């Protein structure tokens, strides 16, 4: 097979077009993956329509371009320098790529690299175009290439469609690790019924949190989260009073950790309110990108020894850890509702996710 189908964007704000392009050849330290599933990101339409204006410092690949985060599939070929992965293995492709040479990449922390770039999405620095040129393929194509170091082996009990949710799960996983949440501690997840939030709740329970406070507007969706573990999950409905007062009415000392998963359209006032539910010495981790700025008074933060932490994506090593938890049954993704679309239905999938997307729905492109 020398040619393949790929959904490419030809102009900012335009529709994705199904094109025939050559099947790529992996580099020396890369692999070629036959894609079986790739996640549909709720924010993708904003990215390909508004990011050049909203966030010009977050560059997009040169058009026409193949997009698609969170690809999962089977290794079809390996570069001559790859020894740890074999043809036929099932893998998830972590799309985050650094330069591989700076001190952060050498430490296994590519998310801190100035060149860090999401293959098939956007970059974080002026040198991101170099990454896009090296890895121009992504999940909305029948085959993609990636560095072998970015692969996560998938256990037998994890479907490729579920692995296509790893971006959101991994973002929450890395944030919880940075929060230093320990078994027996309490955590608050702000925006708990969203795509990021649902994964955060599942993982917080798996990490051994004593109580998981879930905060959102949709009472019915909150009820689904409570049903996961009625003894440990506490629901707080937005609009029924101050968040921190509701939390402290149930947990007087407050929570040890707060995860802010709210997106850019949410008011920053919600984050400021929820932060007041965190105990002295607690940690607040930002992973949603809520519309700022967030007003922080340094003196109370100093006296209460609070920490405000930003967390971006996750490493392939963290992906391995998460896959092991799923393999062991510690994390069950059974509550995710599969919403598959063919590659020719990508534009339709984006319309559908904007109209009917929720944290429990797993929208993905399926090649199976």
Protein backbone atom coordinates (compact mmCIF):
# COMPACT_ATOMS: atom_id res chain seq x y z
CA UNK A 1 0.00 0.00 0.00
CA UNK A 2 1.59 3.25 -1.14
CA UNK A 3 -1.31 5.69 -0.83
CA UNK A 4 -3.73 6.35 2.02
CA UNK A 5 -6.71 8.49 2.94
CA UNK A 6 -6.19 11.52 5.16
CA UNK A 7 -8.50 14.32 6.28
CA UNK A 8 -6.61 17.56 5.68
CA UNK A 9 -7.33 21.20 6.43
CA UNK A 10 -6.61 23.43 3.43
CA UNK A 11 -7.61 26.82 4.84
CA UNK A 12 -8.16 28.36 8.27
CA UNK A 13 -11.82 28.15 9.18
CA UNK A 14 -12.53 25.70 6.37
CA UNK A 15 -13.81 22.14 6.32
CA UNK A 16 -11.58 19.08 6.42
CA UNK A 17 -11.13 17.49 3.00
CA UNK A 18 -10.52 13.79 2.40
CA UNK A 19 -7.36 13.50 0.29
CA UNK A 20 -5.15 10.73 -1.04
CA UNK A 21 -1.56 11.10 0.20
CA UNK A 22 1.49 8.82 0.23
CA UNK A 23 1.93 6.44 3.12
CA UNK A 24 4.88 7.79 5.13
CA UNK A 25 8.15 5.98 5.73
CA UNK A 26 9.37 6.00 9.35
CA UNK A 27 12.72 7.58 10.18
CA UNK A 28 15.55 5.71 11.88
CA UNK A 29 14.15 6.09 15.39
CA UNK A 30 10.49 6.29 14.40
CA UNK A 31 7.62 3.88 13.88
CA UNK A 32 4.79 3.66 11.38
CA UNK A 33 1.43 3.06 13.04
CA UNK A 34 -1.69 1.82 11.26
CA UNK A 35 -4.31 3.98 12.98
CA UNK A 36 -7.35 2.18 14.36
CA UNK A 37 -8.91 5.09 16.28
CA UNK A 38 -8.23 8.75 16.93
CA UNK A 39 -10.00 11.06 19.35
CA UNK A 40 -12.13 14.00 18.24
CA UNK A 41 -11.14 17.00 20.34
CA UNK A 42 -14.06 19.25 21.35
CA UNK A 43 -11.82 22.30 20.90
CA UNK A 44 -10.53 21.34 17.44
CA UNK A 45 -12.86 23.64 15.51
CA UNK A 46 -11.76 26.59 17.63
CA UNK A 47 -8.13 25.65 17.02
CA UNK A 48 -8.43 25.54 13.22
CA UNK A 49 -10.68 28.61 13.06
CA UNK A 50 -9.62 31.06 15.76
CA UNK A 51 -6.18 30.16 17.11
CA UNK A 52 -4.22 32.25 14.58
CA UNK A 53 -6.10 35.29 15.95
CA UNK A 54 -6.68 34.28 19.57
CA UNK A 55 -3.29 32.68 20.25
CA UNK A 56 -0.78 33.63 17.54
CA UNK A 57 1.98 32.36 19.86
CA UNK A 58 0.55 28.82 19.49
CA UNK A 59 1.43 28.04 15.85
CA UNK A 60 -0.52 25.68 13.61
CA UNK A 61 1.16 23.47 11.00
CA UNK A 62 1.56 24.85 7.47
CA UNK A 63 -1.51 24.08 5.37
CA UNK A 64 -2.67 21.77 3.95
CA UNK A 65 -2.17 19.77 7.13
CA UNK A 66 -3.28 16.53 8.74
CA UNK A 67 -4.66 17.01 12.23
CA UNK A 68 -5.71 14.49 14.88
CA UNK A 69 -4.48 13.98 18.45
CA UNK A 70 -4.70 10.73 20.36
CA UNK A 71 -4.10 8.11 17.69
CA UNK A 72 -4.06 4.45 18.67
CA UNK A 73 -3.39 1.44 16.49
CA UNK A 74 -0.92 -1.25 15.47
CA UNK A 75 2.74 -0.86 14.54
CA UNK A 76 3.11 -1.50 10.81
CA UNK A 77 6.85 -0.80 10.45
CA UNK A 78 9.79 0.37 12.55
CA UNK A 79 12.88 2.41 11.74
CA UNK A 80 16.24 0.66 11.62
CA UNK A 81 17.25 2.17 14.96
CA UNK A 82 14.17 0.97 16.84
CA UNK A 83 14.76 -2.12 18.98
CA UNK A 84 12.17 -2.03 21.78
CA UNK A 85 9.01 -2.06 19.65
CA UNK A 86 7.95 -4.68 17.12
CA UNK A 87 5.58 -4.83 14.19
CA UNK A 88 2.12 -5.93 15.34
CA UNK A 89 2.20 -4.35 18.80
CA UNK A 90 -0.80 -2.25 19.81
CA UNK A 91 0.14 1.25 20.90
CA UNK A 92 -1.08 4.73 21.70
CA UNK A 93 0.86 7.60 20.11
CA UNK A 94 1.58 10.44 22.52
CA UNK A 95 1.57 13.43 20.13
CA UNK A 96 3.72 15.70 22.32
CA UNK A 97 7.19 16.07 20.78
CA UNK A 98 10.13 18.08 22.08
CA UNK A 99 13.47 18.86 20.46
CA UNK A 100 15.05 15.81 22.13
CA UNK A 101 18.25 17.70 22.88
CA UNK A 102 17.58 20.34 25.55
CA UNK A 103 18.05 19.73 29.27
CA UNK A 104 14.31 19.20 29.78
CA UNK A 105 14.07 16.55 27.06
CA UNK A 106 17.16 14.84 28.43
CA UNK A 107 15.46 14.65 31.82
CA UNK A 108 12.38 13.04 30.31
CA UNK A 109 10.33 16.23 30.68
CA UNK A 110 9.57 17.20 27.07
CA UNK A 111 6.53 19.25 28.09
CA UNK A 112 9.00 21.87 29.40
CA UNK A 113 10.85 22.07 26.08
CA UNK A 114 10.65 25.41 24.25
CA UNK A 115 9.98 23.49 21.04
CA UNK A 116 7.23 21.30 22.50
CA UNK A 117 4.62 20.61 19.83
CA UNK A 118 1.48 18.53 19.46
CA UNK A 119 1.66 16.56 16.22
CA UNK A 120 -1.64 17.10 14.44
CA UNK A 121 -2.72 20.04 16.58
CA UNK A 122 -0.60 23.09 17.48
CA UNK A 123 2.78 24.05 18.87
CA UNK A 124 4.04 26.05 21.81
CA UNK A 125 7.00 27.91 20.38
CA UNK A 126 8.68 29.57 17.44
CA UNK A 127 10.49 26.38 16.46
CA UNK A 128 7.35 24.23 16.32
CA UNK A 129 7.34 24.31 12.52
CA UNK A 130 10.48 22.16 12.61
CA UNK A 131 8.51 19.46 14.44
CA UNK A 132 5.55 19.78 12.07
CA UNK A 133 7.89 19.31 9.09
CA UNK A 134 9.51 16.26 10.65
CA UNK A 135 6.18 14.70 11.68
CA UNK A 136 3.50 15.95 9.27
CA UNK A 137 1.22 12.96 9.80
CA UNK A 138 -1.31 12.54 12.60
CA UNK A 139 -4.41 10.64 13.65
CA UNK A 140 -6.77 11.71 10.88
CA UNK A 141 -4.90 9.55 8.41
CA UNK A 142 -4.80 5.81 7.92
CA UNK A 143 -1.13 5.74 8.90
CA UNK A 144 1.00 8.02 11.06
CA UNK A 145 4.65 8.23 12.06
CA UNK A 146 5.98 9.05 15.51
CA UNK A 147 9.15 8.73 17.61
CA UNK A 148 9.38 5.31 19.21
CA UNK A 149 9.92 7.09 22.55
CA UNK A 150 6.37 8.49 22.31
CA UNK A 151 4.62 5.13 22.22
CA UNK A 152 2.55 3.61 25.02
CA UNK A 153 1.88 -0.12 24.82
CA UNK A 154 -1.80 -0.96 25.21
CA UNK A 155 -2.98 -3.80 27.44
CA UNK A 156 -5.34 -6.40 26.02
CA UNK A 157 -8.27 -5.06 28.05
CA UNK A 158 -7.97 -1.58 26.55
CA UNK A 159 -9.64 -0.96 23.20
CA UNK A 160 -8.08 1.41 20.69
CA UNK A 161 -11.21 3.57 20.85
CA UNK A 162 -10.74 3.93 24.61
CA UNK A 163 -7.04 4.69 24.17
CA UNK A 164 -8.11 7.55 21.88
CA UNK A 165 -9.23 9.25 25.11
CA UNK A 166 -5.71 9.11 26.59
CA UNK A 167 -4.97 12.77 25.98
CA UNK A 168 -7.62 13.88 28.43
CA UNK A 169 -6.98 11.04 30.85
CA UNK A 170 -3.24 11.62 30.76
CA UNK A 171 -3.61 15.35 31.32
CA UNK A 172 -5.58 14.63 34.48
CA UNK A 173 -3.18 11.87 35.51
CA UNK A 174 -0.12 14.10 35.26
CA UNK A 175 -1.91 16.86 37.17
CA UNK A 176 -2.82 14.52 40.02
CA UNK A 177 0.78 13.33 40.22
CA UNK A 178 1.99 16.94 40.39
CA UNK A 179 -0.56 17.64 43.11
CA UNK A 180 1.09 14.99 45.31
CA UNK A 181 -2.35 13.64 46.22
CA UNK A 182 -1.95 10.84 48.77
CA UNK A 183 -4.39 8.09 49.73
CA UNK A 184 -6.77 9.39 52.37
CA UNK A 185 -6.63 13.00 51.17
CA UNK A 186 -9.52 14.95 49.63
CA UNK A 187 -9.66 16.46 46.16
CA UNK A 188 -12.02 18.87 44.41
CA UNK A 189 -12.55 18.60 40.65
CA UNK A 190 -13.96 21.83 39.22
CA UNK A 191 -15.81 21.18 35.97
CA UNK A 192 -16.12 17.51 36.86
CA UNK A 193 -18.66 16.52 34.20
CA UNK A 194 -16.55 17.74 31.26
CA UNK A 195 -14.22 15.60 29.17
CA UNK A 196 -11.23 16.44 31.36
CA UNK A 197 -13.23 16.30 34.56
CA UNK A 198 -14.71 12.82 34.14
CA UNK A 199 -11.25 11.34 33.63
CA UNK A 200 -9.95 13.27 36.63
CA UNK A 201 -12.66 11.79 38.84
CA UNK A 202 -11.91 8.23 37.70
CA UNK A 203 -8.22 8.70 38.37
CA UNK A 204 -8.68 10.48 41.71
CA UNK A 205 -10.66 7.48 42.95
CA UNK A 206 -7.96 5.15 41.64
CA UNK A 207 -5.28 7.21 43.43
CA UNK A 208 -7.04 6.47 46.71
CA UNK A 209 -8.59 9.86 47.47
CA UNK A 210 -10.73 9.70 50.59
CA UNK A 211 -13.33 12.08 49.16
CA UNK A 212 -13.71 13.44 45.64
CA UNK A 213 -15.76 16.63 45.49
CA UNK A 214 -17.25 16.99 42.01
CA UNK A 215 -18.43 20.47 40.99
CA UNK A 216 -20.47 21.22 37.86
CA UNK A 217 -23.83 22.61 36.67
CA UNK A 218 -25.50 19.45 35.39
CA UNK A 219 -27.11 17.71 38.37
CA UNK A 220 -27.91 14.56 36.38
CA UNK A 221 -24.32 14.23 35.17
CA UNK A 222 -23.07 14.81 38.71
CA UNK A 223 -25.33 11.97 39.81
CA UNK A 224 -23.57 9.64 37.39
CA UNK A 225 -20.25 10.51 39.02
CA UNK A 226 -21.63 9.98 42.51
CA UNK A 227 -22.84 6.53 41.41
CA UNK A 228 -19.21 5.53 40.81
CA UNK A 229 -18.67 5.50 44.58
CA UNK A 230 -21.48 7.04 46.68
CA UNK A 231 -19.36 6.82 49.84
CA UNK A 232 -16.52 8.90 48.44
CA UNK A 233 -17.93 11.17 45.72
CA UNK A 234 -19.61 14.38 46.91
CA UNK A 235 -21.57 16.49 44.41
CA UNK A 236 -21.67 20.29 44.46
CA UNK A 237 -24.03 21.96 41.98
CA UNK A 238 -23.02 25.33 40.58
CA UNK A 239 -25.61 28.01 41.09
CA UNK A 240 -26.72 26.79 44.49
CA UNK A 241 -24.48 29.10 46.47
CA UNK A 242 -20.78 29.72 46.94
CA UNK A 243 -18.61 26.75 45.98
CA UNK A 244 -16.23 27.02 48.92
CA UNK A 245 -19.05 27.45 51.42
CA UNK A 246 -20.80 24.35 50.10
CA UNK A 247 -17.55 22.38 50.27
CA UNK A 248 -16.69 23.49 53.80
CA UNK A 249 -20.21 22.69 54.96
CA UNK A 250 -19.38 19.07 54.12
CA UNK A 251 -15.61 19.08 54.73
CA UNK A 252 -14.95 21.81 57.33
CA UNK A 253 -11.15 21.73 56.97
CA UNK A 254 -11.35 21.95 53.19
CA UNK A 255 -9.78 19.81 50.47
CA UNK A 256 -6.10 19.00 50.03
CA UNK A 257 -6.10 19.39 46.26
CA UNK A 258 -8.13 21.28 43.66
CA UNK A 259 -8.03 20.42 39.96
CA UNK A 260 -9.32 23.22 37.75
CA UNK A 261 -10.55 21.63 34.50
CA UNK A 262 -12.73 24.55 33.37
CA UNK A 263 -12.26 25.64 29.76
CA UNK A 264 -11.60 29.08 28.30
CA UNK A 265 -15.29 30.01 28.13
CA UNK A 266 -15.84 29.59 31.88
CA UNK A 267 -15.72 32.64 34.17
CA UNK A 268 -12.57 32.94 36.26
CA UNK A 269 -14.73 33.80 39.29
CA UNK A 270 -15.61 30.11 39.62
CA UNK A 271 -11.95 29.20 39.99
CA UNK A 272 -11.35 31.94 42.55
CA UNK A 273 -14.38 30.74 44.54
CA UNK A 274 -13.29 27.09 44.51
CA UNK A 275 -9.72 27.95 45.51
CA UNK A 276 -11.03 29.10 48.87
CA UNK A 277 -12.03 25.51 49.63
CA UNK A 278 -8.37 24.40 49.73
CA UNK A 279 -6.73 23.79 53.10
CA UNK A 280 -3.51 25.45 54.31
CA UNK A 281 -0.61 23.87 52.46
CA UNK A 282 -2.91 22.62 49.71
CA UNK A 283 -2.27 22.49 45.97
CA UNK A 284 -4.28 24.01 43.12
CA UNK A 285 -3.52 22.60 39.67
CA UNK A 286 -4.65 24.30 36.46
CA UNK A 287 -5.26 22.02 33.46
CA UNK A 288 -8.34 23.52 31.77
CA UNK A 289 -7.15 26.95 30.68
CA UNK A 290 -9.99 28.91 32.25
CA UNK A 291 -10.36 32.47 30.96
CA UNK A 292 -8.06 34.64 33.08
CA UNK A 293 -6.52 36.45 34.63
CA UNK A 294 -6.87 34.72 37.98
CA UNK A 295 -6.47 37.27 40.80
CA UNK A 296 -4.14 35.88 43.45
CA UNK A 297 -3.22 37.81 46.58
CA UNK A 298 0.36 36.76 47.37
CA UNK A 299 0.18 37.39 51.12
CA UNK A 300 -2.59 34.85 51.91
CA UNK A 301 -0.90 32.39 49.54
CA UNK A 302 2.35 32.85 51.45
CA UNK A 303 0.79 32.57 54.89
CA UNK A 304 -1.36 29.56 53.99
CA UNK A 305 1.52 28.00 52.03
CA UNK A 306 -0.72 27.35 49.06
CA UNK A 307 0.65 26.22 45.70
CA UNK A 308 -0.75 27.14 42.27
CA UNK A 309 0.59 24.77 39.64
CA UNK A 310 0.19 24.71 35.86
CA UNK A 311 0.28 21.27 34.25
CA UNK A 312 0.52 20.54 30.52
CA UNK A 313 -0.35 17.17 28.94
CA UNK A 314 1.61 14.09 30.09
CA UNK A 315 4.71 12.12 29.21
CA UNK A 316 4.87 8.71 27.54
CA UNK A 317 6.19 7.31 30.83
CA UNK A 318 3.08 8.59 32.60
CA UNK A 319 1.05 6.99 29.82
CA UNK A 320 2.72 3.66 30.60
CA UNK A 321 1.77 4.02 34.26
CA UNK A 322 -1.82 4.82 33.36
CA UNK A 323 -2.01 1.86 30.97
CA UNK A 324 -0.75 -0.40 33.78
CA UNK A 325 -3.52 0.86 36.06
CA UNK A 326 -6.09 0.05 33.39
CA UNK A 327 -4.54 -3.38 32.84
CA UNK A 328 -4.80 -4.07 36.57
CA UNK A 329 -8.44 -2.97 36.69
CA UNK A 330 -7.70 -0.02 38.97
CA UNK A 331 -9.18 2.33 36.38
CA UNK A 332 -12.33 1.24 34.53
CA UNK A 333 -13.23 3.15 31.37
CA UNK A 334 -16.51 1.29 30.96
CA UNK A 335 -18.58 4.42 31.61
CA UNK A 336 -17.34 6.04 28.39
CA UNK A 337 -19.99 5.99 25.67
CA UNK A 338 -18.47 5.15 22.30
CA UNK A 339 -19.34 7.60 19.49
CA UNK A 340 -17.47 6.37 16.39
CA UNK A 341 -17.31 8.20 13.04
CA UNK A 342 -15.59 7.29 9.80
CA UNK A 343 -12.72 9.43 8.53
CA UNK A 344 -15.08 10.79 5.84
CA UNK A 345 -17.39 11.97 8.64
CA UNK A 346 -14.88 14.17 10.49
CA UNK A 347 -16.74 17.42 9.79
CA UNK A 348 -19.97 15.77 10.90
CA UNK A 349 -18.27 14.55 14.08
CA UNK A 350 -17.15 18.10 14.89
CA UNK A 351 -20.71 19.37 14.42
CA UNK A 352 -22.03 16.60 16.64
CA UNK A 353 -19.54 17.09 19.44
CA UNK A 354 -20.28 20.83 19.56
CA UNK A 355 -24.01 20.14 19.75
CA UNK A 356 -24.14 17.05 21.95
CA UNK A 357 -20.70 16.48 23.44
CA UNK A 358 -20.30 15.72 27.15
CA UNK A 359 -17.70 14.26 29.45
CA UNK A 360 -19.06 10.74 29.17
CA UNK A 361 -19.19 10.61 25.35
CA UNK A 362 -16.09 9.26 23.62
CA UNK A 363 -16.12 10.84 20.16
CA UNK A 364 -13.53 9.27 17.89
CA UNK A 365 -12.66 8.50 14.30
CA UNK A 366 -12.67 4.76 13.73
CA UNK A 367 -10.78 2.93 10.97
CA UNK A 368 -12.01 -0.53 11.99
